C-alpha cells in the first residue's frame, strides 16, 4: 500500500479513538466518527481493489512471458530443422 493510503487509514483510526474518548465525557461526536468509519471502509475497499488489480497484472505478465518463451522455443526449433 502506498504511504498516502496508510496515512489516511491511521488518521481515520485516530479520529475514531478520539471520538471514543470524547464519548466518555458525554460529548456527541457520532457524525464525525460515522464519517471516519465511512472513509475507513472506503480506504480498505480501495486497498482491496488495488491488490486484486496488482495480482491480475502479475498473472498477465507471467502469462505473456510464458507465451513469449514458448514462441521463441518454437522459432528456435524451426530454425534448427532448416
Foldseek 3Di string as FASTA:
>chain_A
DDPVLVVLLVVLVVQLVVCVVVVVVVDDPPVVNVVSVVVNVVSVVVVVVVVVVVVVVVVVVVVVVVVVVVVVVVVVVVVVVD
